[in-house]
Protein backbone atom coordinates (compact mmCIF):
# COMPACT_ATOMS: atom_id res chain seq x y z
CA UNK A 1 -43.00 44.55 -67.97
CA UNK A 2 -41.47 44.71 -71.46
CA UNK A 3 -42.63 41.17 -72.21
CA UNK A 4 -46.16 41.97 -71.04
CA UNK A 5 -46.49 45.31 -72.87
CA UNK A 6 -45.32 43.96 -76.20
CA UNK A 7 -47.44 40.79 -75.99
CA UNK A 8 -50.55 42.90 -75.26
CA UNK A 9 -50.09 44.51 -78.67
CA UNK A 10 -51.03 41.13 -80.16
CA UNK A 11 -53.25 39.94 -77.29
CA UNK A 12 -55.16 43.06 -76.14
CA UNK A 13 -57.45 40.95 -73.96
CA UNK A 14 -54.60 40.62 -71.44
CA UNK A 15 -55.19 44.23 -70.42
CA UNK A 16 -58.77 43.37 -69.47
CA UNK A 17 -57.81 40.62 -67.02
CA UNK A 18 -58.87 41.31 -63.42
CA UNK A 19 -56.36 42.46 -60.83
CA UNK A 20 -54.93 39.50 -58.98
CA UNK A 21 -51.86 40.36 -56.88
CA UNK A 22 -50.26 43.66 -55.79
CA UNK A 23 -52.35 45.61 -58.29
CA UNK A 24 -51.27 43.38 -61.19
CA UNK A 25 -53.30 40.94 -63.26
CA UNK A 26 -52.36 37.30 -63.63
CA UNK A 27 -50.66 37.88 -67.00
CA UNK A 28 -48.38 40.56 -65.53
CA UNK A 29 -47.51 38.33 -62.58
CA UNK A 30 -46.90 35.43 -64.96
CA UNK A 31 -44.51 37.49 -67.13
CA UNK A 32 -42.67 38.65 -64.02
CA UNK A 33 -42.28 35.12 -62.64
CA UNK A 34 -41.24 33.79 -66.06
CA UNK A 35 -38.45 36.33 -66.29
CA UNK A 36 -37.51 35.77 -62.63
CA UNK A 37 -37.19 32.07 -63.41
CA UNK A 38 -34.82 32.80 -66.30
CA UNK A 39 -32.65 34.85 -63.93
CA UNK A 40 -32.51 31.98 -61.45
CA UNK A 41 -31.71 29.49 -64.22
CA UNK A 42 -28.71 31.54 -65.36
CA UNK A 43 -27.49 31.84 -61.78
CA UNK A 44 -27.79 28.06 -61.43
CA UNK A 45 -25.55 27.68 -64.48
CA UNK A 46 -22.81 29.67 -62.72
CA UNK A 47 -20.68 32.77 -63.21
CA UNK A 48 -19.48 31.74 -66.69
CA UNK A 49 -23.04 31.89 -68.02
CA UNK A 50 -23.31 35.48 -66.75
CA UNK A 51 -20.03 36.34 -68.44
CA UNK A 52 -21.36 34.86 -71.69
CA UNK A 53 -24.48 37.05 -71.46
CA UNK A 54 -22.42 40.16 -70.81
CA UNK A 55 -20.18 39.41 -73.80
CA UNK A 56 -23.27 39.31 -76.03
CA UNK A 57 -25.06 42.21 -74.40
CA UNK A 58 -22.36 44.87 -74.72
CA UNK A 59 -21.91 45.00 -78.53
CA UNK A 60 -25.59 44.24 -79.20
CA UNK A 61 -26.88 47.11 -77.07
CA UNK A 62 -24.39 49.57 -78.52
CA UNK A 63 -25.53 48.63 -82.02
CA UNK A 64 -29.24 48.84 -81.12
CA UNK A 65 -28.73 52.11 -79.24
CA UNK A 66 -27.09 53.67 -82.28
CA UNK A 67 -29.90 52.29 -84.46
CA UNK A 68 -32.48 53.91 -82.17
CA UNK A 69 -30.58 57.20 -82.32
CA UNK A 70 -30.48 57.00 -86.12
CA UNK A 71 -34.24 56.35 -86.20
CA UNK A 72 -34.92 59.36 -83.96
CA UNK A 73 -32.58 61.52 -86.07
CA UNK A 74 -34.39 60.58 -89.27
CA UNK A 75 -37.92 60.88 -87.87
CA UNK A 76 -37.31 64.19 -86.08
CA UNK A 77 -35.47 65.78 -88.99
CA UNK A 78 -31.96 65.98 -87.55
CA UNK A 79 -30.26 66.97 -84.33
CA UNK A 80 -31.54 70.54 -84.58
CA UNK A 81 -35.20 69.69 -83.87
CA UNK A 82 -34.17 66.83 -81.57
CA UNK A 83 -32.17 69.03 -79.22
CA UNK A 84 -34.09 72.29 -79.58
CA UNK A 85 -36.71 71.55 -76.93
CA UNK A 86 -36.61 74.30 -74.27
CA UNK A 87 -35.44 73.47 -70.78
CA UNK A 88 -38.10 73.36 -68.08
CA UNK A 89 -35.75 75.33 -65.83
CA UNK A 90 -35.54 78.48 -67.98
CA UNK A 91 -37.29 81.65 -66.92
CA UNK A 92 -41.01 81.16 -67.43
CA UNK A 93 -40.68 77.38 -67.57
CA UNK A 94 -42.62 75.02 -65.29
CA UNK A 95 -39.54 74.52 -63.10
CA UNK A 96 -37.94 77.94 -63.36
CA UNK A 97 -35.33 78.57 -60.68
CA UNK A 98 -35.29 74.94 -59.51
CA UNK A 99 -32.25 73.71 -61.46
CA UNK A 100 -29.82 73.33 -58.56
CA UNK A 101 -32.52 71.92 -56.30
CA UNK A 102 -32.98 69.10 -58.82
CA UNK A 103 -29.41 68.78 -60.07
CA UNK A 104 -27.60 67.92 -56.84
CA UNK A 105 -30.08 65.31 -55.55
CA UNK A 106 -30.09 63.75 -59.02
CA UNK A 107 -26.28 63.74 -59.07
CA UNK A 108 -26.21 62.15 -55.61
CA UNK A 109 -28.77 59.56 -56.73
CA UNK A 110 -26.74 58.60 -59.81
CA UNK A 111 -23.53 58.34 -57.79
CA UNK A 112 -25.42 56.17 -55.31
CA UNK A 113 -26.64 54.03 -58.22
CA UNK A 114 -23.09 53.43 -59.44
CA UNK A 115 -21.67 53.18 -55.92
CA UNK A 116 -23.18 49.71 -55.67
CA UNK A 117 -21.12 48.44 -58.60
CA UNK A 118 -18.01 50.36 -57.58
CA UNK A 119 -18.04 48.57 -54.22
CA UNK A 120 -18.88 45.18 -55.73
CA UNK A 121 -16.62 45.32 -58.79
CA UNK A 122 -14.01 43.01 -57.15
CA UNK A 123 -16.55 40.20 -57.61
CA UNK A 124 -15.71 40.51 -61.32
CA UNK A 125 -12.20 41.97 -61.49
CA UNK A 126 -10.86 39.04 -59.49
CA UNK A 127 -11.25 36.98 -62.65
CA UNK A 128 -8.87 39.30 -64.55
CA UNK A 129 -5.50 37.82 -65.40
CA UNK A 130 -3.58 41.04 -64.69
CA UNK A 131 -4.10 44.35 -62.91
CA UNK A 132 -3.78 46.12 -66.25
CA UNK A 133 -6.70 44.17 -67.72
CA UNK A 134 -9.17 45.18 -65.04
CA UNK A 135 -7.99 48.81 -65.05
CA UNK A 136 -8.33 49.16 -68.81
CA UNK A 137 -11.65 47.35 -68.83
CA UNK A 138 -13.17 49.75 -66.33
CA UNK A 139 -11.46 52.91 -67.60
CA UNK A 140 -12.47 52.34 -71.23
CA UNK A 141 -15.68 50.38 -70.89
CA UNK A 142 -17.68 52.22 -68.24
CA UNK A 143 -17.22 55.98 -68.94
CA UNK A 144 -17.52 55.70 -72.72
CA UNK A 145 -20.60 53.50 -72.82
CA UNK A 146 -22.39 55.45 -70.09
CA UNK A 147 -21.66 58.77 -71.82
CA UNK A 148 -22.95 57.33 -75.10
CA UNK A 149 -26.12 55.89 -73.61
CA UNK A 150 -26.80 59.01 -71.55
CA UNK A 151 -26.71 61.05 -74.75
CA UNK A 152 -28.88 58.52 -76.59
CA UNK A 153 -31.43 58.61 -73.76
CA UNK A 154 -31.63 62.40 -73.68
CA UNK A 155 -31.61 62.83 -77.47
CA UNK A 156 -34.22 60.15 -78.20
CA UNK A 157 -36.49 61.32 -75.36
CA UNK A 158 -36.32 64.87 -76.69
CA UNK A 159 -36.97 63.60 -80.22
CA UNK A 160 -40.20 61.87 -79.15
CA UNK A 161 -41.71 65.30 -78.43
CA UNK A 162 -41.09 66.26 -82.05
CA UNK A 163 -42.12 62.89 -83.50
CA UNK A 164 -45.28 62.20 -81.48
CA UNK A 165 -46.06 65.57 -79.90
CA UNK A 166 -47.15 66.03 -76.32
CA UNK A 167 -45.09 64.71 -73.43
CA UNK A 168 -41.65 63.14 -73.87
CA UNK A 169 -41.48 59.34 -73.87
CA UNK A 170 -38.58 58.42 -71.59
CA UNK A 171 -39.55 54.79 -70.96
CA UNK A 172 -38.04 52.57 -73.72
CA UNK A 173 -40.81 50.00 -73.24
CA UNK A 174 -43.50 52.60 -73.93
CA UNK A 175 -41.55 53.88 -76.94
CA UNK A 176 -41.15 50.39 -78.40
CA UNK A 177 -44.90 49.76 -78.17
CA UNK A 178 -45.35 52.65 -80.63
CA UNK A 179 -43.69 50.54 -83.32
CA UNK A 180 -45.88 48.20 -85.37
CA UNK A 181 -43.31 46.26 -87.39
CA UNK A 182 -43.30 42.73 -85.90
CA UNK A 183 -39.60 42.23 -86.68
CA UNK A 184 -38.69 45.46 -84.90
CA UNK A 185 -40.83 44.47 -81.94
CA UNK A 186 -39.23 41.02 -81.73
CA UNK A 187 -35.69 42.40 -81.88
CA UNK A 188 -36.54 45.12 -79.36
CA UNK A 189 -38.09 42.61 -76.95
CA UNK A 190 -35.05 40.36 -77.20
CA UNK A 191 -32.66 43.28 -76.64
CA UNK A 192 -34.57 44.61 -73.63
CA UNK A 193 -34.81 41.18 -72.05
CA UNK A 194 -31.13 40.47 -72.63
CA UNK A 195 -30.08 43.87 -71.29
CA UNK A 196 -32.26 43.55 -68.20
CA UNK A 197 -31.21 39.95 -67.59
CA UNK A 198 -27.47 40.57 -67.89
CA UNK A 199 -27.52 43.85 -65.97
CA UNK A 200 -29.72 42.51 -63.18
CA UNK A 201 -27.56 39.44 -62.65
CA UNK A 202 -24.27 41.32 -62.75
CA UNK A 203 -25.37 44.31 -60.69
CA UNK A 204 -27.88 42.84 -58.24
CA UNK A 205 -27.36 39.10 -57.84
CA UNK A 206 -23.69 38.13 -58.06
CA UNK A 207 -22.49 40.16 -55.08
CA UNK A 208 -25.21 39.17 -52.55
CA UNK A 209 -24.99 35.57 -53.76
CA UNK A 210 -21.29 35.59 -52.89
CA UNK A 211 -22.05 37.27 -49.56
CA UNK A 212 -24.60 34.63 -48.58
CA UNK A 213 -22.22 31.87 -49.66
CA UNK A 214 -19.44 33.33 -47.50
CA UNK A 215 -21.71 33.60 -44.48
CA UNK A 216 -22.18 29.82 -44.32
CA UNK A 217 -19.85 28.18 -46.84
CA UNK A 218 -20.59 24.62 -45.71
CA UNK A 219 -24.33 25.00 -46.37
CA UNK A 220 -24.81 27.84 -48.86
CA UNK A 221 -23.30 27.65 -52.34
CA UNK A 222 -23.22 30.44 -54.91
CA UNK A 223 -26.33 28.93 -56.52
CA UNK A 224 -28.27 28.83 -53.25
CA UNK A 225 -27.09 32.36 -52.45
CA UNK A 226 -28.46 33.49 -55.81
CA UNK A 227 -31.81 31.82 -55.10
CA UNK A 228 -31.99 33.52 -51.68
CA UNK A 229 -31.25 36.85 -53.38
CA UNK A 230 -33.98 36.21 -55.94
CA UNK A 231 -36.57 35.45 -53.25
CA UNK A 232 -35.63 38.59 -51.31
CA UNK A 233 -35.89 40.51 -54.58
CA UNK A 234 -39.55 39.52 -54.83
CA UNK A 235 -40.32 40.21 -51.16
CA UNK A 236 -39.08 43.83 -51.29
CA UNK A 237 -41.55 44.52 -54.14
CA UNK A 238 -39.21 46.45 -56.48
CA UNK A 239 -42.11 47.47 -58.73
CA UNK A 240 -43.18 49.89 -56.01
CA UNK A 241 -39.74 51.53 -56.02
CA UNK A 242 -39.88 52.39 -59.72
CA UNK A 243 -43.60 53.24 -59.81
CA UNK A 244 -42.74 56.87 -59.01
CA UNK A 245 -39.56 58.11 -60.77
CA UNK A 246 -39.22 61.02 -58.34
CA UNK A 247 -39.48 58.75 -55.31
CA UNK A 248 -37.08 56.27 -56.89
CA UNK A 249 -34.39 58.92 -57.36
CA UNK A 250 -34.80 61.20 -54.36
CA UNK A 251 -35.84 58.61 -51.78
CA UNK A 252 -34.42 55.26 -52.80
CA UNK A 253 -31.19 56.16 -54.65
CA UNK A 254 -30.25 59.13 -52.47
CA UNK A 255 -31.28 57.19 -49.36
CA UNK A 256 -29.01 54.22 -49.90
CA UNK A 257 -26.20 56.48 -51.11
CA UNK A 258 -26.08 57.62 -47.48
CA UNK A 259 -25.03 54.04 -46.64
CA UNK A 260 -22.68 53.46 -49.56
CA UNK A 261 -20.81 56.77 -49.32
CA UNK A 262 -19.31 55.98 -45.89
CA UNK A 263 -18.36 52.46 -47.01
CA UNK A 264 -16.57 53.87 -50.04
CA UNK A 265 -14.79 56.46 -47.89
CA UNK A 266 -13.53 53.78 -45.50
CA UNK A 267 -12.32 51.47 -48.28
CA UNK A 268 -10.51 54.20 -50.19
CA UNK A 269 -8.93 55.66 -47.06
CA UNK A 270 -7.79 52.24 -45.88
CA UNK A 271 -6.23 51.20 -49.20
CA UNK A 272 -4.66 54.46 -50.34
CA UNK A 273 -3.93 56.35 -47.12
CA UNK A 274 -3.46 53.71 -44.43
CA UNK A 275 -2.05 50.78 -46.47
CA UNK A 276 -0.35 52.82 -49.22
CA UNK A 277 -1.79 50.38 -51.78
CA UNK A 278 -0.01 47.41 -50.20
CA UNK A 279 -1.82 44.42 -48.70
CA UNK A 280 -0.57 41.18 -47.19
CA UNK A 281 -2.68 38.49 -48.95
CA UNK A 282 -1.88 35.71 -46.50
CA UNK A 283 -3.14 37.77 -43.57
CA UNK A 284 -6.50 38.16 -45.31
CA UNK A 285 -7.11 34.43 -44.77
CA UNK A 286 -5.58 34.04 -41.30
CA UNK A 287 -7.90 34.08 -38.25
CA UNK A 288 -5.20 35.83 -36.24
CA UNK A 289 -3.71 37.98 -39.02
CA UNK A 290 -3.21 41.72 -39.02
CA UNK A 291 -6.68 42.32 -40.46
CA UNK A 292 -8.55 40.40 -37.76
CA UNK A 293 -8.69 43.36 -35.34
CA UNK A 294 -11.18 42.50 -32.58
CA UNK A 295 -12.75 39.12 -33.32
CA UNK A 296 -12.96 40.00 -37.00
CA UNK A 297 -14.39 43.52 -36.58
CA UNK A 298 -12.49 46.78 -36.98
CA UNK A 299 -13.87 49.27 -34.40
CA UNK A 300 -12.49 52.21 -36.37
CA UNK A 301 -14.37 51.13 -39.51
CA UNK A 302 -17.64 50.58 -37.64
CA UNK A 303 -17.36 53.95 -35.88
CA UNK A 304 -16.58 55.72 -39.14
CA UNK A 305 -19.53 54.00 -40.84
CA UNK A 306 -21.99 55.06 -38.14
CA UNK A 307 -20.72 58.65 -38.01
CA UNK A 308 -20.86 58.84 -41.81
CA UNK A 309 -24.51 57.76 -41.89
CA UNK A 310 -25.81 59.88 -39.00
CA UNK A 311 -25.83 63.33 -40.74
CA UNK A 312 -28.21 62.06 -43.44
CA UNK A 313 -30.72 60.34 -41.16
CA UNK A 314 -32.85 63.42 -40.26
CA UNK A 315 -33.20 64.44 -43.91
CA UNK A 316 -34.09 60.90 -44.92
CA UNK A 317 -36.79 60.67 -42.26
CA UNK A 318 -38.18 64.00 -43.43
CA UNK A 319 -38.13 62.89 -47.06
CA UNK A 320 -40.15 59.74 -46.38
CA UNK A 321 -42.48 61.77 -44.11
CA UNK A 322 -41.81 59.78 -40.97
CA UNK A 323 -41.24 63.16 -39.35
CA UNK A 324 -42.36 66.60 -40.46
CA UNK A 325 -39.70 68.10 -42.78
CA UNK A 326 -40.27 71.48 -41.12
CA UNK A 327 -39.22 70.03 -37.76
CA UNK A 328 -36.03 68.65 -39.32
CA UNK A 329 -34.98 72.08 -40.56
CA UNK A 330 -33.93 73.27 -44.01
CA UNK A 331 -30.21 72.74 -43.34
CA UNK A 332 -30.52 69.03 -42.55
CA UNK A 333 -33.07 68.50 -45.33
CA UNK A 334 -30.67 70.09 -47.83
CA UNK A 335 -27.74 68.15 -46.36
CA UNK A 336 -29.56 64.94 -47.25
CA UNK A 337 -29.38 65.92 -50.93
CA UNK A 338 -25.60 65.49 -50.66
CA UNK A 339 -25.82 62.24 -48.68
CA UNK A 340 -23.13 60.32 -50.57
CA UNK A 341 -20.62 63.17 -50.44
CA UNK A 342 -21.26 63.92 -46.76
CA UNK A 343 -21.08 60.26 -45.76
CA UNK A 344 -17.93 59.69 -47.80
CA UNK A 345 -16.15 62.72 -46.33
CA UNK A 346 -17.12 62.12 -42.69
CA UNK A 347 -16.26 58.41 -42.81
CA UNK A 348 -12.97 59.04 -44.65
CA UNK A 349 -11.82 61.64 -42.10
CA UNK A 350 -12.98 59.63 -39.08
CA UNK A 351 -11.34 56.44 -40.27
CA UNK A 352 -8.07 58.18 -41.15
CA UNK A 353 -7.92 59.82 -37.71
CA UNK A 354 -8.73 56.67 -35.75
CA UNK A 355 -6.42 54.39 -37.73
CA UNK A 356 -3.52 56.85 -37.53
CA UNK A 357 -3.87 56.89 -33.74
CA UNK A 358 -4.04 53.09 -33.71
CA UNK A 359 -0.85 52.86 -35.75
C-alpha cells in the first residue's frame, strides 16, 4: 500500500486503472505481490537474514520517528498546540460518556496483539547465549520503544489537526503522501518498507514456519514452512481485516485474544506454579518422557484451553452478528471485551487445579 500510494504521486494514472481483483486495480495487486515476493525471498535466505533486517530496522526507525516528531513539533508550533486537542470523550464531545466502553476493548485488543509475540518469543530467545541476554533484551527493548512510538503516534496524529486542519491523519502512509520533497518521500518509502518487512517476518512468519517444519520435519523445511505461511497469508485476505479500524480492533484483535489468553495462562501456570521454573530438557525430546502425557497430549491443558475460550464465544458471535447481540445478553457481550483476561484467568485456575490433582 505504501509503495502504491507514493508511486501514484508521480504516476497519477495508476489511480485510474480499472478494478481487477478483490476491489483492487492491477497496480495495487502488483505492488502487493512484489512486496510479498520480497518477504518470501528473505525467508528463503534464512533466519540470519531476518536478524540482519531487525538490526537495521531498530535504530533507523527510532531516528526517523524522532525526526517525524521534530517535524510535527516545528510545524504545529510546539507541544502546546500539538497536545491541546480536546478529547472526544469529554462532556459535549462526540463520544461523551463512552470512555470505558472503548478503553477496555482497546486494551484487550492491544494485549491480544502483543500476546502473539509473547507466546512466540522463544523462537528468537533460543538464539541468545545466556538467560541474562534475552531478559535484558526484552525488558529494555520492548517497553521503551513501544512507549516512545505510542507517544510519537499520538502526538503526531494530534499535530496533523493543527497543521492541516480537519480530521486527524493517523495513517503514516497518508501523512507521507502530503510531503512533496522527493528525498523525503524516498527515505519514508524505504523506512516503511523496511519496518513492515522486518516486523511482518519476525511477528507473522517465523513462528508458523517453524510450526509447519516441526509437523513434518522430513518433508517441510523452514523455507517451505515460510512459503506455506505466505500463501495462507494471501488466502485469508488481510486487507479486509484492516479496512475497518474498528472491526480490526474489536473483532479481530479481541477475538483472537480469547484464544491466546488461555494459552498464556496455561504456559505461565505450568512453568511458574507447577514446575517451579525447573524443566528437564532431556524429557522434552523423549517419546516416553515426563512431558508425553497421553500420546503427546496433556488432557489438563486441553481442558483448560477449552474452558478458557468458552466464556468469550457468545460475545464473539454477537460481535460478528452471527447471532443477535440482544439474545446474547449484555453481561456476555461485555464479558467479551475482557476476553484475554477472562481466558487467562479461567485457564490458569483450571490447569492449576487439574495438575495439582494429577501430581
